[in-house]
Amino acid sequence: MYIIAIAWIYVVFMMSIMETSVIAGIMTFLLYGVLPVSIIVYVMGAGQRKRKRQVQEMQRREEMMNNAEREKSAMKSAPSAECRPEV
């Protein structure tokens, strides 16, 4: 995926060098190269971002379940206030 983006940036860079003025070259490079490539790379990375978000959510859920189980077992093992003898 990135090799195509790099090749397109190269082609657009060569086009921008051949422009008659510096401003035209900069605008060509930005509007034909950087802007479209950044949009395409962002869209192509959507699946990877979604998978990463799902993995993080699963890890948070597992962590919350483990914490809840630890608290539950700590409550069971600790004597309640009712069972303690008064001093």
Foldseek 3Di string as FASTA:
>chain_A
DVVVLVVQLVVQLVVLVPDPDVVSSVCSSVVRRVVVSVVVVVVVCPVVVVVVVVVVVVVVVVVVVVVVVVVVVVVVVDDDPVPDDDD
